[in-house]
């Protein structure tokens, strides 16, 4: 399914998220990479005046609700908002390890980092979390607003629910297909039902239900106690 390029994917995803967040059983919803998923993207991030050669770290494009859906703790600054969109000042959020490795000190908020384009202002810092292997220490990570990203065109839809996510699957499907009737049963499937895994280091049991894809954005429901 084509949406007229990346801007169209962003617009459609924002519409889906807006509708989902009004659902009474959905606590939060966001787009970003799923935890412990394969194919985590990485890039070299530079901090002018601190680490000019840069540090390689995980890279993710996240919508405002992504952090709440995963339960990531904000330690400094703010999360992304709807104002962090194309045309607005470039923003970024780092995890605590990235702040340390980039030598940003105790006051990283307002400082700038860069990848291969214009500098991005650090607007927030989140606690470290394991994104790849549970046995390994958390890696440094940078998050960019999903609506500003030109590097990351795909992700997962993550939803935090008040109970069993299976009870909202039908409503999620209805919301998405109302916004795009061409997403039929063939290209918007729910897989073989929920799977259960215990990720001790990520605190608790996750219930995962695959929902399919639109424009490179896959759908996944998570119940995170």
N, C-alpha and C. Protein backbone atom coordinates (compact mmCIF):
# COMPACT_ATOMS: atom_id res chain seq x y z
N UNK A 1 0.86 -1.20 0.00
CA UNK A 1 0.00 0.00 0.00
C UNK A 1 0.89 1.24 0.00
N UNK A 2 0.65 2.18 -0.95
CA UNK A 2 1.44 3.39 -1.07
C UNK A 2 0.67 4.55 -0.46
N UNK A 3 1.39 5.45 0.20
CA UNK A 3 0.76 6.62 0.83
C UNK A 3 1.40 7.91 0.34
N UNK A 4 1.94 7.87 -0.87
CA UNK A 4 2.52 9.09 -1.40
C UNK A 4 3.85 9.44 -0.76
N UNK A 5 4.62 8.45 -0.38
CA UNK A 5 5.93 8.70 0.20
C UNK A 5 5.90 8.70 1.72
N UNK A 6 7.04 9.04 2.30
CA UNK A 6 7.21 8.97 3.75
C UNK A 6 6.26 9.91 4.48
N UNK A 7 6.02 11.08 3.91
CA UNK A 7 5.11 12.03 4.57
C UNK A 7 3.71 11.43 4.69
N UNK A 8 3.29 10.68 3.67
CA UNK A 8 1.99 10.05 3.73
C UNK A 8 1.92 8.95 4.78
N UNK A 9 3.01 8.18 4.92
CA UNK A 9 3.08 7.15 5.96
C UNK A 9 2.98 7.80 7.33
N UNK A 10 3.70 8.91 7.52
CA UNK A 10 3.65 9.62 8.80
C UNK A 10 2.24 10.11 9.10
N UNK A 11 1.58 10.67 8.09
CA UNK A 11 0.24 11.20 8.29
C UNK A 11 -0.75 10.10 8.65
N UNK A 12 -0.69 8.99 7.92
CA UNK A 12 -1.61 7.90 8.20
C UNK A 12 -1.35 7.31 9.59
N UNK A 13 -0.08 7.13 9.95
CA UNK A 13 0.26 6.60 11.27
C UNK A 13 -0.25 7.51 12.37
N UNK A 14 -0.11 8.83 12.17
CA UNK A 14 -0.59 9.79 13.18
C UNK A 14 -2.11 9.69 13.34
N UNK A 15 -2.82 9.48 12.25
CA UNK A 15 -4.27 9.33 12.33
C UNK A 15 -4.66 8.07 13.09
N UNK A 16 -3.94 6.98 12.82
CA UNK A 16 -4.21 5.73 13.54
C UNK A 16 -3.97 5.92 15.03
N UNK A 17 -2.84 6.53 15.39
CA UNK A 17 -2.51 6.72 16.80
C UNK A 17 -3.53 7.61 17.50
N UNK A 18 -3.97 8.65 16.83
CA UNK A 18 -4.95 9.55 17.43
C UNK A 18 -6.24 8.81 17.77
N UNK A 19 -6.69 7.95 16.86
CA UNK A 19 -7.90 7.18 17.11
C UNK A 19 -7.69 6.15 18.23
N UNK A 20 -6.53 5.48 18.22
CA UNK A 20 -6.27 4.46 19.22
C UNK A 20 -6.22 5.05 20.63
N UNK A 21 -5.63 6.22 20.75
CA UNK A 21 -5.46 6.82 22.09
C UNK A 21 -6.79 7.24 22.70
N UNK A 22 -7.85 7.29 21.89
CA UNK A 22 -9.17 7.61 22.43
C UNK A 22 -9.92 6.36 22.90
N UNK A 23 -9.34 5.19 22.66
CA UNK A 23 -10.00 3.94 23.05
C UNK A 23 -9.92 3.78 24.57
N UNK A 24 -11.02 3.46 25.23
CA UNK A 24 -11.02 3.39 26.70
C UNK A 24 -10.13 2.31 27.29
N UNK A 25 -9.83 1.25 26.54
CA UNK A 25 -8.99 0.18 27.06
C UNK A 25 -7.53 0.32 26.68
N UNK A 26 -7.19 1.37 25.93
CA UNK A 26 -5.81 1.59 25.51
C UNK A 26 -5.21 2.71 26.34
N UNK A 27 -4.15 2.39 27.07
CA UNK A 27 -3.47 3.37 27.92
C UNK A 27 -2.59 4.28 27.09
N UNK A 28 -1.84 3.71 26.17
CA UNK A 28 -0.97 4.50 25.31
C UNK A 28 -0.65 3.69 24.06
N UNK A 29 -0.31 4.41 22.99
CA UNK A 29 0.02 3.77 21.72
C UNK A 29 1.10 4.59 21.04
N UNK A 30 2.03 3.92 20.40
CA UNK A 30 3.09 4.63 19.72
C UNK A 30 3.75 3.78 18.65
N UNK A 31 4.56 4.42 17.84
CA UNK A 31 5.31 3.76 16.79
C UNK A 31 6.79 3.85 17.11
N UNK A 32 7.48 2.74 16.95
CA UNK A 32 8.92 2.66 17.17
C UNK A 32 9.33 1.21 17.04
N UNK A 33 10.56 0.89 17.37
CA UNK A 33 10.99 -0.50 17.26
C UNK A 33 10.53 -1.29 18.47
N UNK A 34 10.23 -2.58 18.26
CA UNK A 34 9.77 -3.38 19.37
C UNK A 34 10.96 -3.89 20.17
N UNK A 35 10.80 -4.09 21.47
CA UNK A 35 11.91 -4.57 22.29
C UNK A 35 12.32 -5.97 21.91
N UNK A 36 13.62 -6.22 21.99
CA UNK A 36 14.20 -7.52 21.69
C UNK A 36 13.90 -7.98 20.27
N UNK A 37 13.63 -7.04 19.39
CA UNK A 37 13.41 -7.38 17.99
C UNK A 37 14.71 -7.53 17.25
N UNK A 38 14.64 -8.16 16.10
CA UNK A 38 15.84 -8.34 15.28
C UNK A 38 16.04 -7.14 14.37
N UNK A 39 17.25 -7.00 13.86
CA UNK A 39 17.53 -5.95 12.89
C UNK A 39 17.50 -4.55 13.46
N UNK A 40 18.00 -4.39 14.70
CA UNK A 40 18.03 -3.07 15.30
C UNK A 40 18.99 -2.18 14.51
N UNK A 41 18.54 -0.98 14.15
CA UNK A 41 19.37 -0.08 13.37
C UNK A 41 20.37 0.65 14.26
N UNK A 42 21.51 0.99 13.68
CA UNK A 42 22.52 1.73 14.43
C UNK A 42 23.14 2.79 13.53
N UNK A 43 23.74 3.76 14.15
CA UNK A 43 24.38 4.84 13.41
C UNK A 43 25.45 5.46 14.29
N UNK A 44 26.29 6.30 13.70
CA UNK A 44 27.31 7.02 14.46
C UNK A 44 26.77 8.40 14.80
N UNK A 45 26.75 8.71 16.08
CA UNK A 45 26.25 10.00 16.56
C UNK A 45 27.44 10.81 17.06
N UNK A 46 27.51 12.06 16.62
CA UNK A 46 28.61 12.94 17.01
C UNK A 46 28.10 14.03 17.93
N UNK A 47 28.97 14.44 18.81
CA UNK A 47 28.66 15.54 19.73
C UNK A 47 29.76 16.58 19.59
N UNK A 48 29.51 17.65 18.84
CA UNK A 48 30.54 18.67 18.61
C UNK A 48 31.13 19.19 19.92
N UNK A 49 32.44 19.18 19.99
CA UNK A 49 33.11 19.67 21.18
C UNK A 49 33.31 18.63 22.25
N UNK A 50 32.67 17.47 22.08
CA UNK A 50 32.81 16.42 23.09
C UNK A 50 33.41 15.16 22.46
N UNK A 51 32.68 14.55 21.54
CA UNK A 51 33.16 13.35 20.86
C UNK A 51 33.05 13.58 19.36
N UNK A 52 34.00 14.33 18.78
CA UNK A 52 33.89 14.69 17.36
C UNK A 52 33.89 13.49 16.43
N UNK A 53 34.51 12.38 16.83
CA UNK A 53 34.53 11.19 15.98
C UNK A 53 33.25 10.39 16.09
N UNK A 54 32.49 10.63 17.12
CA UNK A 54 31.20 10.00 17.27
C UNK A 54 31.22 8.66 17.97
N UNK A 55 30.04 8.22 18.36
CA UNK A 55 29.83 6.95 19.05
C UNK A 55 28.75 6.19 18.29
N UNK A 56 29.00 4.92 18.00
CA UNK A 56 27.96 4.12 17.35
C UNK A 56 26.94 3.69 18.38
N UNK A 57 25.67 3.86 18.04
CA UNK A 57 24.60 3.51 18.98
C UNK A 57 23.33 3.13 18.23
N UNK A 58 22.40 2.53 18.95
CA UNK A 58 21.10 2.19 18.38
C UNK A 58 20.38 3.47 17.97
N UNK A 59 19.62 3.38 16.89
CA UNK A 59 18.87 4.52 16.38
C UNK A 59 17.41 4.10 16.21
N UNK A 60 16.51 4.97 16.63
CA UNK A 60 15.10 4.66 16.51
C UNK A 60 14.33 5.94 16.22
N UNK A 61 13.24 5.80 15.48
CA UNK A 61 12.31 6.91 15.25
C UNK A 61 11.05 6.59 16.02
N UNK A 62 10.68 7.43 16.95
CA UNK A 62 9.60 7.12 17.87
C UNK A 62 8.56 8.23 17.89
N UNK A 63 7.30 7.82 17.98
CA UNK A 63 6.21 8.78 18.14
C UNK A 63 6.09 9.15 19.62
N UNK A 64 5.34 10.19 19.96
CA UNK A 64 5.24 10.60 21.36
C UNK A 64 4.78 9.50 22.30
N UNK A 65 3.80 8.67 21.89
CA UNK A 65 3.28 7.65 22.80
C UNK A 65 4.13 6.41 22.95
N UNK A 66 5.20 6.31 22.17
CA UNK A 66 6.04 5.11 22.19
C UNK A 66 6.66 4.88 23.57
N UNK A 67 7.14 5.94 24.18
CA UNK A 67 7.86 5.80 25.46
C UNK A 67 6.92 5.34 26.57
N UNK A 68 5.70 5.89 26.58
CA UNK A 68 4.73 5.46 27.58
C UNK A 68 4.28 4.03 27.33
N UNK A 69 4.15 3.64 26.06
CA UNK A 69 3.75 2.27 25.74
C UNK A 69 4.76 1.26 26.25
N UNK A 70 6.04 1.62 26.20
CA UNK A 70 7.09 0.72 26.68
C UNK A 70 7.39 0.90 28.16
N UNK A 71 6.88 1.97 28.76
CA UNK A 71 7.16 2.23 30.16
C UNK A 71 8.57 2.74 30.40
N UNK A 72 9.15 3.42 29.41
CA UNK A 72 10.49 3.97 29.57
C UNK A 72 10.44 5.19 30.50
N UNK A 73 11.39 5.27 31.42
CA UNK A 73 11.41 6.33 32.42
C UNK A 73 12.16 7.54 31.91
N UNK A 74 11.53 8.71 31.98
CA UNK A 74 12.18 9.97 31.63
C UNK A 74 12.97 10.46 32.83
N UNK A 75 14.27 10.69 32.65
CA UNK A 75 15.11 11.15 33.76
C UNK A 75 15.45 12.63 33.66
N UNK A 76 15.40 13.19 32.45
CA UNK A 76 15.65 14.62 32.26
C UNK A 76 14.85 15.10 31.06
N UNK A 77 14.44 16.38 31.08
CA UNK A 77 13.81 16.98 29.92
C UNK A 77 12.40 16.51 29.69
N UNK A 78 12.08 16.21 28.44
CA UNK A 78 10.71 15.87 28.05
C UNK A 78 10.70 14.77 26.99
N UNK A 79 9.53 14.16 26.83
CA UNK A 79 9.31 13.25 25.73
C UNK A 79 8.96 14.05 24.47
N UNK A 80 8.90 13.39 23.33
CA UNK A 80 8.45 14.05 22.11
C UNK A 80 6.97 14.41 22.24
N UNK A 81 6.57 15.44 21.51
CA UNK A 81 5.17 15.85 21.44
C UNK A 81 4.77 15.96 19.98
N UNK A 82 3.50 16.27 19.75
CA UNK A 82 3.01 16.43 18.38
C UNK A 82 3.68 17.60 17.68
N UNK A 83 4.25 18.52 18.45
CA UNK A 83 4.93 19.67 17.85
C UNK A 83 6.26 19.29 17.21
N UNK A 84 6.80 18.13 17.55
CA UNK A 84 8.07 17.67 16.98
C UNK A 84 7.79 16.99 15.64
N UNK A 85 7.49 17.79 14.65
CA UNK A 85 7.13 17.27 13.34
C UNK A 85 8.02 17.90 12.28
N UNK A 86 7.83 17.50 11.05
CA UNK A 86 8.63 18.04 9.95
C UNK A 86 8.50 19.56 9.92
N UNK A 87 9.63 20.23 9.79
CA UNK A 87 9.64 21.68 9.76
C UNK A 87 9.94 22.31 11.10
N UNK A 88 9.75 21.57 12.18
CA UNK A 88 10.08 22.06 13.52
C UNK A 88 11.56 21.82 13.79
N UNK A 89 12.13 22.51 14.80
CA UNK A 89 13.54 22.27 15.14
C UNK A 89 13.80 20.79 15.40
N UNK A 90 14.91 20.29 14.86
CA UNK A 90 15.24 18.87 15.00
C UNK A 90 15.50 18.53 16.46
N UNK A 91 14.83 17.46 16.93
CA UNK A 91 14.92 17.07 18.34
C UNK A 91 15.47 15.65 18.44
N UNK A 92 15.94 15.32 19.62
CA UNK A 92 16.42 13.97 19.89
C UNK A 92 16.29 13.67 21.37
N UNK A 93 16.17 12.39 21.66
CA UNK A 93 16.19 11.89 23.03
C UNK A 93 17.29 10.84 23.12
N UNK A 94 18.09 10.89 24.17
CA UNK A 94 19.17 9.94 24.37
C UNK A 94 18.87 9.10 25.60
N UNK A 95 19.44 7.88 25.62
CA UNK A 95 19.40 7.17 26.90
C UNK A 95 20.61 7.57 27.73
N UNK A 96 20.62 7.15 28.97
CA UNK A 96 21.66 7.61 29.89
C UNK A 96 23.06 7.17 29.46
N UNK A 97 23.17 5.99 28.90
CA UNK A 97 24.49 5.53 28.46
C UNK A 97 25.00 6.40 27.31
N UNK A 98 24.13 6.78 26.40
CA UNK A 98 24.55 7.65 25.29
C UNK A 98 25.05 8.99 25.82
N UNK A 99 24.38 9.52 26.83
CA UNK A 99 24.81 10.78 27.43
C UNK A 99 26.22 10.64 27.99
N UNK A 100 26.48 9.52 28.68
CA UNK A 100 27.80 9.31 29.26
C UNK A 100 28.86 9.15 28.17
N UNK A 101 28.57 8.36 27.16
CA UNK A 101 29.59 8.08 26.15
C UNK A 101 29.86 9.28 25.25
N UNK A 102 28.88 10.17 25.12
CA UNK A 102 29.10 11.39 24.35
C UNK A 102 29.69 12.51 25.19
N UNK A 103 29.93 12.24 26.47
CA UNK A 103 30.52 13.23 27.39
C UNK A 103 29.67 14.50 27.47
N UNK A 104 28.37 14.34 27.60
CA UNK A 104 27.49 15.51 27.66
C UNK A 104 27.32 16.04 29.08
N UNK A 105 27.90 15.36 30.05
CA UNK A 105 27.88 15.86 31.42
C UNK A 105 26.53 15.74 32.10
N UNK A 106 26.34 16.56 33.12
CA UNK A 106 25.12 16.50 33.93
C UNK A 106 23.98 17.33 33.35
N UNK A 107 24.26 18.12 32.32
CA UNK A 107 23.23 18.99 31.75
C UNK A 107 23.15 18.79 30.24
N UNK A 108 22.69 17.63 29.81
CA UNK A 108 22.64 17.36 28.37
C UNK A 108 21.51 18.09 27.64
N UNK A 109 20.47 18.48 28.36
CA UNK A 109 19.31 19.11 27.72
C UNK A 109 19.73 20.44 27.09
N UNK A 110 19.39 20.61 25.82
CA UNK A 110 19.75 21.82 25.10
C UNK A 110 21.03 21.71 24.31
N UNK A 111 21.84 20.69 24.60
CA UNK A 111 23.04 20.47 23.81
C UNK A 111 22.65 19.83 22.48
N UNK A 112 23.59 19.80 21.55
CA UNK A 112 23.28 19.29 20.22
C UNK A 112 24.11 18.05 19.90
N UNK A 113 23.52 17.17 19.11
CA UNK A 113 24.21 16.01 18.57
C UNK A 113 23.89 15.96 17.09
N UNK A 114 24.66 15.20 16.34
CA UNK A 114 24.45 15.15 14.90
C UNK A 114 24.76 13.75 14.38
N UNK A 115 24.09 13.39 13.29
CA UNK A 115 24.39 12.13 12.61
C UNK A 115 25.09 12.48 11.30
N UNK A 116 24.36 12.75 10.25
CA UNK A 116 24.97 13.18 9.00
C UNK A 116 24.22 14.37 8.43
N UNK A 117 23.56 15.10 9.25
CA UNK A 117 22.76 16.23 8.78
C UNK A 117 22.79 17.36 9.78
N UNK A 118 21.76 18.17 9.78
CA UNK A 118 21.71 19.29 10.72
C UNK A 118 21.76 18.79 12.16
N UNK A 119 22.30 19.59 13.07
CA UNK A 119 22.35 19.17 14.47
C UNK A 119 20.95 19.05 15.06
N UNK A 120 20.83 18.14 16.00
CA UNK A 120 19.57 17.91 16.70
C UNK A 120 19.74 18.30 18.17
N UNK A 121 18.79 19.02 18.67
CA UNK A 121 18.85 19.42 20.08
C UNK A 121 18.37 18.27 20.96
N UNK A 122 19.10 18.01 22.02
CA UNK A 122 18.69 17.00 22.99
C UNK A 122 17.58 17.59 23.85
N UNK A 123 16.39 16.99 23.78
CA UNK A 123 15.25 17.50 24.55
C UNK A 123 14.90 16.60 25.72
N UNK A 124 15.43 15.37 25.75
CA UNK A 124 15.10 14.47 26.83
C UNK A 124 16.13 13.37 27.00
N UNK A 125 16.13 12.77 28.18
CA UNK A 125 16.99 11.62 28.49
C UNK A 125 16.11 10.57 29.15
N UNK A 126 16.23 9.32 28.68
CA UNK A 126 15.49 8.21 29.27
C UNK A 126 16.44 7.22 29.91
N UNK A 127 15.92 6.46 30.85
CA UNK A 127 16.72 5.44 31.51
C UNK A 127 17.15 4.38 30.50
N UNK A 128 18.27 3.75 30.76
CA UNK A 128 18.76 2.69 29.89
C UNK A 128 17.79 1.51 29.90
N UNK A 129 17.66 0.84 28.75
CA UNK A 129 16.83 -0.36 28.66
C UNK A 129 17.48 -1.31 27.66
N UNK A 130 17.25 -2.58 27.85
CA UNK A 130 17.81 -3.59 26.95
C UNK A 130 16.95 -3.69 25.70
N UNK A 131 17.57 -3.55 24.55
CA UNK A 131 16.85 -3.57 23.29
C UNK A 131 17.17 -4.80 22.46
N UNK A 132 18.31 -5.44 22.73
CA UNK A 132 18.72 -6.59 21.95
C UNK A 132 18.76 -7.84 22.80
N UNK A 133 19.90 -8.17 23.35
CA UNK A 133 20.05 -9.38 24.14
C UNK A 133 19.91 -9.05 25.63
N UNK A 134 19.19 -9.92 26.33
CA UNK A 134 18.99 -9.70 27.76
C UNK A 134 20.29 -9.83 28.55
N UNK A 135 21.21 -10.67 28.02
CA UNK A 135 22.45 -10.92 28.76
C UNK A 135 23.41 -9.75 28.68
N UNK A 136 23.26 -8.90 27.67
CA UNK A 136 24.21 -7.81 27.46
C UNK A 136 23.76 -6.54 28.18
N UNK A 137 24.73 -5.70 28.49
CA UNK A 137 24.41 -4.41 29.11
C UNK A 137 23.68 -3.54 28.10
N UNK A 138 22.82 -2.63 28.57
CA UNK A 138 22.11 -1.74 27.64
C UNK A 138 23.08 -0.94 26.78
N UNK A 139 22.80 -0.86 25.50
CA UNK A 139 23.63 -0.10 24.58
C UNK A 139 23.21 1.37 24.57
N UNK A 140 24.12 2.26 24.13
CA UNK A 140 23.71 3.65 23.94
C UNK A 140 22.65 3.73 22.85
N UNK A 141 21.73 4.67 22.97
CA UNK A 141 20.63 4.76 22.01
C UNK A 141 20.22 6.21 21.81
N UNK A 142 19.81 6.52 20.58
CA UNK A 142 19.26 7.82 20.24
C UNK A 142 17.89 7.63 19.61
N UNK A 143 16.96 8.48 20.00
CA UNK A 143 15.61 8.45 19.45
C UNK A 143 15.36 9.77 18.74
N UNK A 144 14.75 9.68 17.56
CA UNK A 144 14.35 10.86 16.81
C UNK A 144 12.84 10.85 16.65
N UNK A 145 12.20 12.01 16.54
CA UNK A 145 10.75 12.01 16.36
C UNK A 145 10.36 11.30 15.08
N UNK A 146 9.37 10.42 15.16
CA UNK A 146 8.92 9.68 13.99
C UNK A 146 8.50 10.61 12.86
N UNK A 147 7.86 11.73 13.21
CA UNK A 147 7.36 12.64 12.20
C UNK A 147 8.46 13.51 11.59
N UNK A 148 9.67 13.47 12.17
CA UNK A 148 10.79 14.22 11.61
C UNK A 148 11.77 13.31 10.87
N UNK A 149 11.63 12.02 11.04
CA UNK A 149 12.64 11.11 10.54
C UNK A 149 12.58 10.95 9.03
N UNK A 150 13.74 11.07 8.41
CA UNK A 150 13.88 10.74 7.00
C UNK A 150 14.75 9.50 6.83
N UNK A 151 15.25 8.97 7.95
CA UNK A 151 16.14 7.82 7.92
C UNK A 151 15.41 6.52 8.21
N UNK A 152 14.38 6.60 9.04
CA UNK A 152 13.66 5.41 9.46
C UNK A 152 12.24 5.50 8.93
N UNK A 153 11.88 4.58 8.04
CA UNK A 153 10.55 4.62 7.42
C UNK A 153 9.67 3.47 7.87
N UNK A 154 10.13 2.70 8.83
CA UNK A 154 9.33 1.57 9.29
C UNK A 154 9.42 1.47 10.80
N UNK A 155 8.51 0.72 11.37
CA UNK A 155 8.50 0.54 12.81
C UNK A 155 7.36 -0.37 13.20
N UNK A 156 7.16 -0.50 14.49
CA UNK A 156 6.08 -1.31 15.02
C UNK A 156 5.10 -0.41 15.76
N UNK A 157 3.84 -0.76 15.66
CA UNK A 157 2.81 -0.11 16.45
C UNK A 157 2.72 -0.83 17.78
N UNK A 158 3.03 -0.15 18.86
CA UNK A 158 2.99 -0.75 20.19
C UNK A 158 1.85 -0.12 20.98
N UNK A 159 1.08 -0.98 21.64
CA UNK A 159 -0.09 -0.52 22.37
C UNK A 159 -0.05 -1.08 23.79
N UNK A 160 -0.20 -0.22 24.76
CA UNK A 160 -0.32 -0.65 26.16
C UNK A 160 -1.81 -0.64 26.52
N UNK A 161 -2.28 -1.76 26.99
CA UNK A 161 -3.70 -1.89 27.30
C UNK A 161 -3.91 -2.04 28.80
N UNK A 162 -5.16 -1.89 29.23
CA UNK A 162 -5.48 -2.06 30.64
C UNK A 162 -5.66 -3.52 31.02
N UNK A 163 -5.74 -4.39 30.05
CA UNK A 163 -5.93 -5.82 30.31
C UNK A 163 -5.47 -6.64 29.13
N UNK A 164 -6.13 -7.75 28.89
CA UNK A 164 -5.77 -8.65 27.80
C UNK A 164 -5.89 -7.89 26.47
N UNK A 165 -4.78 -7.75 25.72
CA UNK A 165 -4.85 -7.02 24.46
C UNK A 165 -5.73 -7.69 23.42
N UNK A 166 -5.98 -8.98 23.60
CA UNK A 166 -6.83 -9.67 22.65
C UNK A 166 -8.23 -9.07 22.59
N UNK A 167 -8.65 -8.40 23.67
CA UNK A 167 -9.99 -7.83 23.69
C UNK A 167 -10.11 -6.58 22.83
N UNK A 168 -8.99 -5.98 22.42
CA UNK A 168 -9.06 -4.76 21.62
C UNK A 168 -8.62 -4.99 20.18
N UNK A 169 -8.22 -6.23 19.86
CA UNK A 169 -7.74 -6.51 18.51
C UNK A 169 -8.77 -6.14 17.46
N UNK A 170 -10.01 -6.52 17.69
CA UNK A 170 -11.06 -6.21 16.73
C UNK A 170 -11.24 -4.71 16.54
N UNK A 171 -11.17 -3.96 17.64
CA UNK A 171 -11.33 -2.52 17.55
C UNK A 171 -10.16 -1.88 16.82
N UNK A 172 -8.95 -2.40 17.05
CA UNK A 172 -7.78 -1.86 16.36
C UNK A 172 -7.92 -2.09 14.86
N UNK A 173 -8.33 -3.30 14.50
CA UNK A 173 -8.51 -3.59 13.08
C UNK A 173 -9.58 -2.67 12.47
N UNK A 174 -10.66 -2.45 13.20
CA UNK A 174 -11.73 -1.60 12.69
C UNK A 174 -11.24 -0.17 12.47
N UNK A 175 -10.46 0.35 13.43
CA UNK A 175 -9.94 1.71 13.31
C UNK A 175 -9.06 1.84 12.07
N UNK A 176 -8.15 0.89 11.89
CA UNK A 176 -7.21 0.97 10.77
C UNK A 176 -7.93 0.84 9.44
N UNK A 177 -8.86 -0.10 9.35
CA UNK A 177 -9.53 -0.31 8.07
C UNK A 177 -10.55 0.78 7.77
N UNK A 178 -11.07 1.46 8.80
CA UNK A 178 -11.92 2.62 8.55
C UNK A 178 -11.13 3.76 7.92
N UNK A 179 -9.87 3.89 8.36
CA UNK A 179 -9.01 4.93 7.80
C UNK A 179 -8.50 4.56 6.42
N UNK A 180 -8.35 3.26 6.17
CA UNK A 180 -7.91 2.80 4.86
C UNK A 180 -8.63 1.50 4.54
N UNK A 181 -9.77 1.56 3.86
CA UNK A 181 -10.54 0.36 3.53
C UNK A 181 -9.79 -0.64 2.67
N UNK A 182 -8.71 -0.20 2.00
CA UNK A 182 -7.96 -1.12 1.14
C UNK A 182 -7.10 -2.08 1.94
N UNK A 183 -6.95 -1.83 3.25
CA UNK A 183 -6.22 -2.78 4.08
C UNK A 183 -7.18 -3.92 4.42
N UNK A 184 -7.22 -4.91 3.55
CA UNK A 184 -8.17 -6.01 3.67
C UNK A 184 -7.61 -7.11 4.56
N UNK A 185 -8.38 -8.17 4.68
CA UNK A 185 -7.95 -9.33 5.46
C UNK A 185 -6.64 -9.90 4.95
N UNK A 186 -6.39 -9.75 3.63
CA UNK A 186 -5.17 -10.33 3.04
C UNK A 186 -3.92 -9.60 3.49
N UNK A 187 -3.99 -8.27 3.55
CA UNK A 187 -2.77 -7.55 3.87
C UNK A 187 -2.80 -6.92 5.25
N UNK A 188 -3.77 -7.31 6.06
CA UNK A 188 -3.82 -6.85 7.46
C UNK A 188 -4.31 -8.00 8.31
N UNK A 189 -3.42 -8.94 8.56
CA UNK A 189 -3.80 -10.16 9.27
C UNK A 189 -3.30 -10.12 10.70
N UNK A 190 -3.83 -11.03 11.50
CA UNK A 190 -3.50 -11.07 12.92
C UNK A 190 -2.65 -12.27 13.29
N UNK A 191 -2.08 -12.91 12.32
CA UNK A 191 -1.18 -14.02 12.60
C UNK A 191 -1.88 -15.17 13.29
N UNK A 192 -1.12 -15.94 14.06
CA UNK A 192 -1.66 -17.14 14.69
C UNK A 192 -2.09 -16.94 16.11
N UNK A 193 -2.36 -15.73 16.52
CA UNK A 193 -2.80 -15.49 17.88
C UNK A 193 -1.66 -15.04 18.75
N UNK A 194 -1.96 -14.70 20.01
CA UNK A 194 -0.93 -14.14 20.89
C UNK A 194 0.13 -15.16 21.26
N UNK A 195 1.32 -14.67 21.48
CA UNK A 195 2.40 -15.49 22.00
C UNK A 195 2.87 -14.87 23.30
N UNK A 196 3.35 -15.69 24.20
CA UNK A 196 3.70 -15.19 25.52
C UNK A 196 5.19 -15.42 25.78
N UNK A 197 5.87 -14.41 26.26
CA UNK A 197 7.28 -14.53 26.58
C UNK A 197 7.55 -13.76 27.86
N UNK A 198 8.47 -14.23 28.64
CA UNK A 198 8.85 -13.53 29.87
C UNK A 198 10.23 -12.92 29.68
N UNK A 199 10.29 -11.61 29.72
CA UNK A 199 11.55 -10.90 29.58
C UNK A 199 11.87 -10.32 30.96
N UNK A 200 12.53 -11.11 31.78
CA UNK A 200 12.75 -10.70 33.17
C UNK A 200 13.40 -9.34 33.31
N UNK A 201 14.41 -9.07 32.48
CA UNK A 201 15.14 -7.82 32.60
C UNK A 201 14.31 -6.63 32.15
N UNK A 202 13.22 -6.89 31.46
CA UNK A 202 12.35 -5.81 31.02
C UNK A 202 11.10 -5.72 31.89
N UNK A 203 11.11 -6.42 32.99
CA UNK A 203 10.05 -6.38 34.00
C UNK A 203 8.71 -6.85 33.49
N UNK A 204 8.50 -8.13 33.62
CA UNK A 204 7.15 -8.63 33.43
C UNK A 204 6.91 -9.44 32.18
N UNK A 205 5.67 -9.88 32.02
CA UNK A 205 5.26 -10.71 30.90
C UNK A 205 4.62 -9.84 29.83
N UNK A 206 5.00 -10.08 28.63
CA UNK A 206 4.47 -9.34 27.49
C UNK A 206 3.57 -10.25 26.68
N UNK A 207 2.44 -9.74 26.25
CA UNK A 207 1.58 -10.46 25.33
C UNK A 207 1.69 -9.77 23.98
N UNK A 208 2.05 -10.53 22.95
CA UNK A 208 2.30 -9.94 21.64
C UNK A 208 1.35 -10.53 20.62
N UNK A 209 0.70 -9.67 19.86
CA UNK A 209 -0.19 -10.09 18.79
C UNK A 209 0.18 -9.34 17.52
N UNK A 210 0.57 -10.06 16.47
CA UNK A 210 0.96 -9.42 15.23
C UNK A 210 -0.27 -8.95 14.46
N UNK A 211 -0.18 -7.73 13.89
CA UNK A 211 -1.32 -7.13 13.21
C UNK A 211 -1.12 -6.88 11.72
N UNK A 212 0.07 -7.05 11.19
CA UNK A 212 0.28 -6.77 9.78
C UNK A 212 1.00 -5.46 9.55
N UNK A 213 0.94 -4.91 8.34
CA UNK A 213 1.72 -3.73 8.01
C UNK A 213 0.93 -2.77 7.13
N UNK A 214 1.27 -1.48 7.28
CA UNK A 214 0.83 -0.48 6.31
C UNK A 214 2.01 0.44 6.07
N UNK A 215 2.39 0.61 4.83
CA UNK A 215 3.46 1.54 4.48
C UNK A 215 4.75 1.30 5.22
N UNK A 216 5.04 0.06 5.57
CA UNK A 216 6.28 -0.24 6.29
C UNK A 216 6.12 -0.22 7.79
N UNK A 217 4.95 0.19 8.31
CA UNK A 217 4.72 0.21 9.75
C UNK A 217 3.96 -1.04 10.13
N UNK A 218 4.56 -1.89 10.95
CA UNK A 218 3.90 -3.11 11.38
C UNK A 218 3.10 -2.87 12.63
N UNK A 219 2.09 -3.70 12.84
CA UNK A 219 1.25 -3.55 14.02
C UNK A 219 1.51 -4.67 15.02
N UNK A 220 1.73 -4.30 16.26
CA UNK A 220 1.93 -5.28 17.31
C UNK A 220 1.25 -4.78 18.58
N UNK A 221 0.45 -5.64 19.19
CA UNK A 221 -0.18 -5.31 20.47
C UNK A 221 0.65 -5.89 21.58
N UNK A 222 0.91 -5.12 22.62
CA UNK A 222 1.63 -5.61 23.79
C UNK A 222 0.82 -5.34 25.04
N UNK A 223 0.70 -6.34 25.89
CA UNK A 223 0.13 -6.15 27.22
C UNK A 223 1.31 -6.14 28.17
N UNK A 224 1.58 -5.00 28.78
CA UNK A 224 2.75 -4.85 29.64
C UNK A 224 2.27 -4.57 31.05
N UNK A 225 2.31 -5.55 31.93
CA UNK A 225 1.80 -5.34 33.28
C UNK A 225 2.58 -4.24 34.00
